[in-house]
């Protein structure tokens, strides 16, 4: 009879460990983005564009090229220097070009003459700046805009 009690007690004590293993396996199946995954920022836009000094940014849109062969989940942030100006968690990137809308930080406003931004993603728990095809900067002329001088006529 004691061996039945011991087996039952062992089974009950092992249940939490089975749940931990199941959760870890499920997280791997979701496929977090890894350090070897190749990402490149194709474009970064804000809305509205152009905007007047002191106006609040409504949204950011980033186009990310992901050269993987599976989906991966990550966190994306747009930064100006050390400041986060927009952030999104639990973003699923699929192979190819991904267009992602990010909500801006409420209190961020343009001041000064130039603001340059970079995009960072979480790769295996470590934030990495993503390679970009070009620099993404907003200039005041007379309203703030991220469009290049030649782009203004094309859009």
C-alpha atoms as a PDB file:
ATOM      1  CA  UNK A   1       0.000   0.000   0.000  1.00  0.00           C
ATOM      2  CA  UNK A   2       2.905   2.356   0.704  1.00  0.00           C
ATOM      3  CA  UNK A   3       4.194   2.027  -2.853  1.00  0.00           C
ATOM      4  CA  UNK A   4       0.794   3.256  -4.177  1.00  0.00           C
ATOM      5  CA  UNK A   5       0.991   6.320  -1.917  1.00  0.00           C
ATOM      6  CA  UNK A   6       4.564   6.976  -3.025  1.00  0.00           C
ATOM      7  CA  UNK A   7       3.656   6.667  -6.721  1.00  0.00           C
ATOM      8  CA  UNK A   8       0.643   8.975  -6.276  1.00  0.00           C
ATOM      9  CA  UNK A   9       2.729  11.534  -4.375  1.00  0.00           C
ATOM     10  CA  UNK A  10       5.481  11.418  -7.036  1.00  0.00           C
ATOM     11  CA  UNK A  11       2.903  11.938  -9.779  1.00  0.00           C
ATOM     12  CA  UNK A  12       1.341  14.926  -8.022  1.00  0.00           C
ATOM     13  CA  UNK A  13       4.717  16.534  -7.337  1.00  0.00           C
ATOM     14  CA  UNK A  14       5.817  16.190 -10.971  1.00  0.00           C
ATOM     15  CA  UNK A  15       2.774  18.044 -12.440  1.00  0.00           C
ATOM     16  CA  UNK A  16       4.310  21.562 -12.048  1.00  0.00           C
ATOM     17  CA  UNK A  17       7.445  20.424 -13.890  1.00  0.00           C
ATOM     18  CA  UNK A  18       5.384  19.027 -16.759  1.00  0.00           C
ATOM     19  CA  UNK A  19       3.614  22.408 -17.102  1.00  0.00           C
ATOM     20  CA  UNK A  20       6.963  24.260 -17.165  1.00  0.00           C
ATOM     21  CA  UNK A  21       8.290  21.950 -19.885  1.00  0.00           C
ATOM     22  CA  UNK A  22       5.057  22.386 -21.885  1.00  0.00           C
ATOM     23  CA  UNK A  23       5.216  26.174 -21.676  1.00  0.00           C
ATOM     24  CA  UNK A  24       8.871  26.222 -22.764  1.00  0.00           C
ATOM     25  CA  UNK A  25       8.084  23.973 -25.729  1.00  0.00           C
ATOM     26  CA  UNK A  26       5.114  26.165 -26.702  1.00  0.00           C
ATOM     27  CA  UNK A  27       7.302  29.305 -26.583  1.00  0.00           C
ATOM     28  CA  UNK A  28       9.845  27.624 -28.868  1.00  0.00           C
ATOM     29  CA  UNK A  29       7.069  26.601 -31.263  1.00  0.00           C
ATOM     30  CA  UNK A  30       5.972  30.217 -31.525  1.00  0.00           C
ATOM     31  CA  UNK A  31       9.486  30.948 -32.669  1.00  0.00           C
ATOM     32  CA  UNK A  32      11.071  33.942 -31.030  1.00  0.00           C
ATOM     33  CA  UNK A  33      13.311  35.867 -33.403  1.00  0.00           C
ATOM     34  CA  UNK A  34      16.927  34.709 -33.133  1.00  0.00           C
ATOM     35  CA  UNK A  35      20.239  36.522 -33.416  1.00  0.00           C
ATOM     36  CA  UNK A  36      21.024  34.863 -36.753  1.00  0.00           C
ATOM     37  CA  UNK A  37      17.748  36.048 -38.334  1.00  0.00           C
ATOM     38  CA  UNK A  38      18.379  38.583 -41.102  1.00  0.00           C
ATOM     39  CA  UNK A  39      16.261  41.734 -40.783  1.00  0.00           C
ATOM     40  CA  UNK A  40      16.437  45.041 -42.647  1.00  0.00           C
ATOM     41  CA  UNK A  41      14.354  48.200 -42.296  1.00  0.00           C
ATOM     42  CA  UNK A  42      12.985  49.184 -45.701  1.00  0.00           C
ATOM     43  CA  UNK A  43      11.097  52.305 -44.616  1.00  0.00           C
ATOM     44  CA  UNK A  44      10.005  54.297 -41.572  1.00  0.00           C
ATOM     45  CA  UNK A  45       7.157  56.808 -41.696  1.00  0.00           C
ATOM     46  CA  UNK A  46       5.204  58.908 -39.246  1.00  0.00           C
ATOM     47  CA  UNK A  47       1.680  60.266 -39.423  1.00  0.00           C
ATOM     48  CA  UNK A  48       0.875  63.037 -39.942  1.00  0.00           C
ATOM     49  CA  UNK A  49       3.688  64.006 -42.288  1.00  0.00           C
ATOM     50  CA  UNK A  50       4.337  66.918 -42.474  1.00  0.00           C
ATOM     51  CA  UNK A  51       3.462  68.157 -38.988  1.00  0.00           C
ATOM     52  CA  UNK A  52       3.848  71.439 -37.146  1.00  0.00           C
ATOM     53  CA  UNK A  53       6.108  71.986 -34.139  1.00  0.00           C
ATOM     54  CA  UNK A  54       4.580  70.654 -30.910  1.00  0.00           C
ATOM     55  CA  UNK A  55       1.969  68.516 -32.701  1.00  0.00           C
ATOM     56  CA  UNK A  56       1.575  64.945 -31.457  1.00  0.00           C
ATOM     57  CA  UNK A  57       2.573  62.045 -33.725  1.00  0.00           C
ATOM     58  CA  UNK A  58      -0.496  59.827 -34.328  1.00  0.00           C
ATOM     59  CA  UNK A  59       1.313  56.714 -35.558  1.00  0.00           C
ATOM     60  CA  UNK A  60       4.527  55.229 -36.867  1.00  0.00           C
ATOM     61  CA  UNK A  61       4.753  52.697 -39.684  1.00  0.00           C
ATOM     62  CA  UNK A  62       7.839  50.564 -40.217  1.00  0.00           C
ATOM     63  CA  UNK A  63       8.491  48.188 -43.141  1.00  0.00           C
ATOM     64  CA  UNK A  64      10.746  45.302 -42.136  1.00  0.00           C
ATOM     65  CA  UNK A  65      12.261  42.787 -44.560  1.00  0.00           C
ATOM     66  CA  UNK A  66      12.603  39.405 -42.810  1.00  0.00           C
ATOM     67  CA  UNK A  67      14.705  36.865 -44.701  1.00  0.00           C
ATOM     68  CA  UNK A  68      13.799  33.872 -42.532  1.00  0.00           C
ATOM     69  CA  UNK A  69      11.960  30.707 -43.538  1.00  0.00           C
ATOM     70  CA  UNK A  70       9.507  30.738 -40.610  1.00  0.00           C
ATOM     71  CA  UNK A  71       7.525  33.247 -38.567  1.00  0.00           C
ATOM     72  CA  UNK A  72       9.120  34.693 -35.473  1.00  0.00           C
ATOM     73  CA  UNK A  73       7.828  36.778 -32.586  1.00  0.00           C
ATOM     74  CA  UNK A  74       9.638  39.888 -31.347  1.00  0.00           C
ATOM     75  CA  UNK A  75       9.318  43.315 -29.769  1.00  0.00           C
ATOM     76  CA  UNK A  76      10.007  46.376 -31.927  1.00  0.00           C
ATOM     77  CA  UNK A  77      10.904  49.863 -30.752  1.00  0.00           C
ATOM     78  CA  UNK A  78      11.715  53.104 -32.541  1.00  0.00           C
ATOM     79  CA  UNK A  79      14.353  55.156 -30.786  1.00  0.00           C
ATOM     80  CA  UNK A  80      15.877  58.575 -31.029  1.00  0.00           C
ATOM     81  CA  UNK A  81      19.177  58.288 -29.223  1.00  0.00           C
ATOM     82  CA  UNK A  82      18.362  56.821 -25.811  1.00  0.00           C
ATOM     83  CA  UNK A  83      14.653  57.695 -25.950  1.00  0.00           C
ATOM     84  CA  UNK A  84      11.930  55.278 -27.045  1.00  0.00           C
ATOM     85  CA  UNK A  85       9.435  57.140 -29.242  1.00  0.00           C
ATOM     86  CA  UNK A  86       7.264  54.108 -30.149  1.00  0.00           C
ATOM     87  CA  UNK A  87       7.091  50.466 -29.151  1.00  0.00           C
ATOM     88  CA  UNK A  88       5.096  47.311 -29.919  1.00  0.00           C
ATOM     89  CA  UNK A  89       5.270  43.948 -28.172  1.00  0.00           C
ATOM     90  CA  UNK A  90       4.510  40.472 -29.506  1.00  0.00           C
ATOM     91  CA  UNK A  91       4.915  41.295 -33.192  1.00  0.00           C
ATOM     92  CA  UNK A  92       4.853  38.272 -35.501  1.00  0.00           C
ATOM     93  CA  UNK A  93       7.209  38.719 -38.440  1.00  0.00           C
ATOM     94  CA  UNK A  94       6.619  36.498 -41.456  1.00  0.00           C
ATOM     95  CA  UNK A  95       9.144  35.879 -44.248  1.00  0.00           C
ATOM     96  CA  UNK A  96       9.194  38.786 -46.702  1.00  0.00           C
ATOM     97  CA  UNK A  97       8.165  42.407 -46.132  1.00  0.00           C
ATOM     98  CA  UNK A  98       6.164  43.197 -42.987  1.00  0.00           C
ATOM     99  CA  UNK A  99       4.318  46.508 -42.481  1.00  0.00           C
ATOM    100  CA  UNK A 100       3.926  47.238 -38.789  1.00  0.00           C
ATOM    101  CA  UNK A 101       2.004  50.072 -37.141  1.00  0.00           C
ATOM    102  CA  UNK A 102       3.366  51.293 -33.822  1.00  0.00           C
ATOM    103  CA  UNK A 103       1.734  53.576 -31.299  1.00  0.00           C
ATOM    104  CA  UNK A 104       3.864  56.573 -30.343  1.00  0.00           C
ATOM    105  CA  UNK A 105       4.860  57.501 -26.822  1.00  0.00           C
ATOM    106  CA  UNK A 106       2.333  60.099 -25.621  1.00  0.00           C
ATOM    107  CA  UNK A 107       4.712  62.835 -24.517  1.00  0.00           C
ATOM    108  CA  UNK A 108       7.167  62.764 -27.454  1.00  0.00           C
ATOM    109  CA  UNK A 109       7.317  65.983 -29.532  1.00  0.00           C
ATOM    110  CA  UNK A 110       9.768  67.373 -32.096  1.00  0.00           C
ATOM    111  CA  UNK A 111      11.998  70.192 -30.891  1.00  0.00           C
ATOM    112  CA  UNK A 112      15.203  71.508 -32.436  1.00  0.00           C
ATOM    113  CA  UNK A 113      16.223  71.175 -36.104  1.00  0.00           C
ATOM    114  CA  UNK A 114      16.724  67.448 -36.790  1.00  0.00           C
ATOM    115  CA  UNK A 115      15.626  64.137 -35.309  1.00  0.00           C
ATOM    116  CA  UNK A 116      17.092  60.814 -36.497  1.00  0.00           C
ATOM    117  CA  UNK A 117      15.600  57.442 -35.593  1.00  0.00           C
ATOM    118  CA  UNK A 118      16.632  53.811 -35.525  1.00  0.00           C
ATOM    119  CA  UNK A 119      14.602  50.640 -35.125  1.00  0.00           C
ATOM    120  CA  UNK A 120      15.494  47.973 -32.597  1.00  0.00           C
ATOM    121  CA  UNK A 121      14.142  44.442 -32.215  1.00  0.00           C
ATOM    122  CA  UNK A 122      14.409  41.885 -29.456  1.00  0.00           C
ATOM    123  CA  UNK A 123      16.503  38.910 -30.562  1.00  0.00           C
ATOM    124  CA  UNK A 124      16.682  36.187 -27.915  1.00  0.00           C
ATOM    125  CA  UNK A 125      16.164  38.680 -25.086  1.00  0.00           C
ATOM    126  CA  UNK A 126      18.737  41.176 -26.370  1.00  0.00           C
ATOM    127  CA  UNK A 127      17.852  44.449 -28.133  1.00  0.00           C
ATOM    128  CA  UNK A 128      19.616  44.934 -31.467  1.00  0.00           C
ATOM    129  CA  UNK A 129      19.527  47.859 -33.882  1.00  0.00           C
ATOM    130  CA  UNK A 130      18.245  46.656 -37.246  1.00  0.00           C
ATOM    131  CA  UNK A 131      20.209  47.441 -40.416  1.00  0.00           C
ATOM    132  CA  UNK A 132      18.505  50.039 -42.570  1.00  0.00           C
ATOM    133  CA  UNK A 133      18.709  50.922 -46.258  1.00  0.00           C
ATOM    134  CA  UNK A 134      19.196  54.581 -45.288  1.00  0.00           C
ATOM    135  CA  UNK A 135      19.040  57.023 -42.358  1.00  0.00           C
ATOM    136  CA  UNK A 136      15.564  57.975 -41.157  1.00  0.00           C
ATOM    137  CA  UNK A 137      15.478  61.595 -40.054  1.00  0.00           C
ATOM    138  CA  UNK A 138      12.840  64.311 -39.661  1.00  0.00           C
ATOM    139  CA  UNK A 139      13.774  67.841 -40.634  1.00  0.00           C
ATOM    140  CA  UNK A 140      11.995  71.105 -39.985  1.00  0.00           C
ATOM    141  CA  UNK A 141      11.285  72.876 -43.318  1.00  0.00           C
ATOM    142  CA  UNK A 142       8.973  74.777 -42.362  1.00  0.00           C
ATOM    143  CA  UNK A 143       6.897  71.869 -40.956  1.00  0.00           C
ATOM    144  CA  UNK A 144       8.468  68.624 -39.717  1.00  0.00           C
ATOM    145  CA  UNK A 145       8.773  65.892 -42.340  1.00  0.00           C
ATOM    146  CA  UNK A 146      10.579  62.572 -42.822  1.00  0.00           C
ATOM    147  CA  UNK A 147      10.164  62.727 -46.579  1.00  0.00           C
ATOM    148  CA  UNK A 148      13.282  63.401 -48.568  1.00  0.00           C
ATOM    149  CA  UNK A 149      13.224  66.598 -50.594  1.00  0.00           C
ATOM    150  CA  UNK A 150      12.560  64.719 -53.860  1.00  0.00           C
ATOM    151  CA  UNK A 151       9.870  62.545 -52.220  1.00  0.00           C
ATOM    152  CA  UNK A 152       7.645  65.485 -51.443  1.00  0.00           C
ATOM    153  CA  UNK A 153       6.595  65.828 -55.074  1.00  0.00           C
ATOM    154  CA  UNK A 154       6.292  62.074 -55.640  1.00  0.00           C
ATOM    155  CA  UNK A 155       3.774  61.441 -52.813  1.00  0.00           C
END
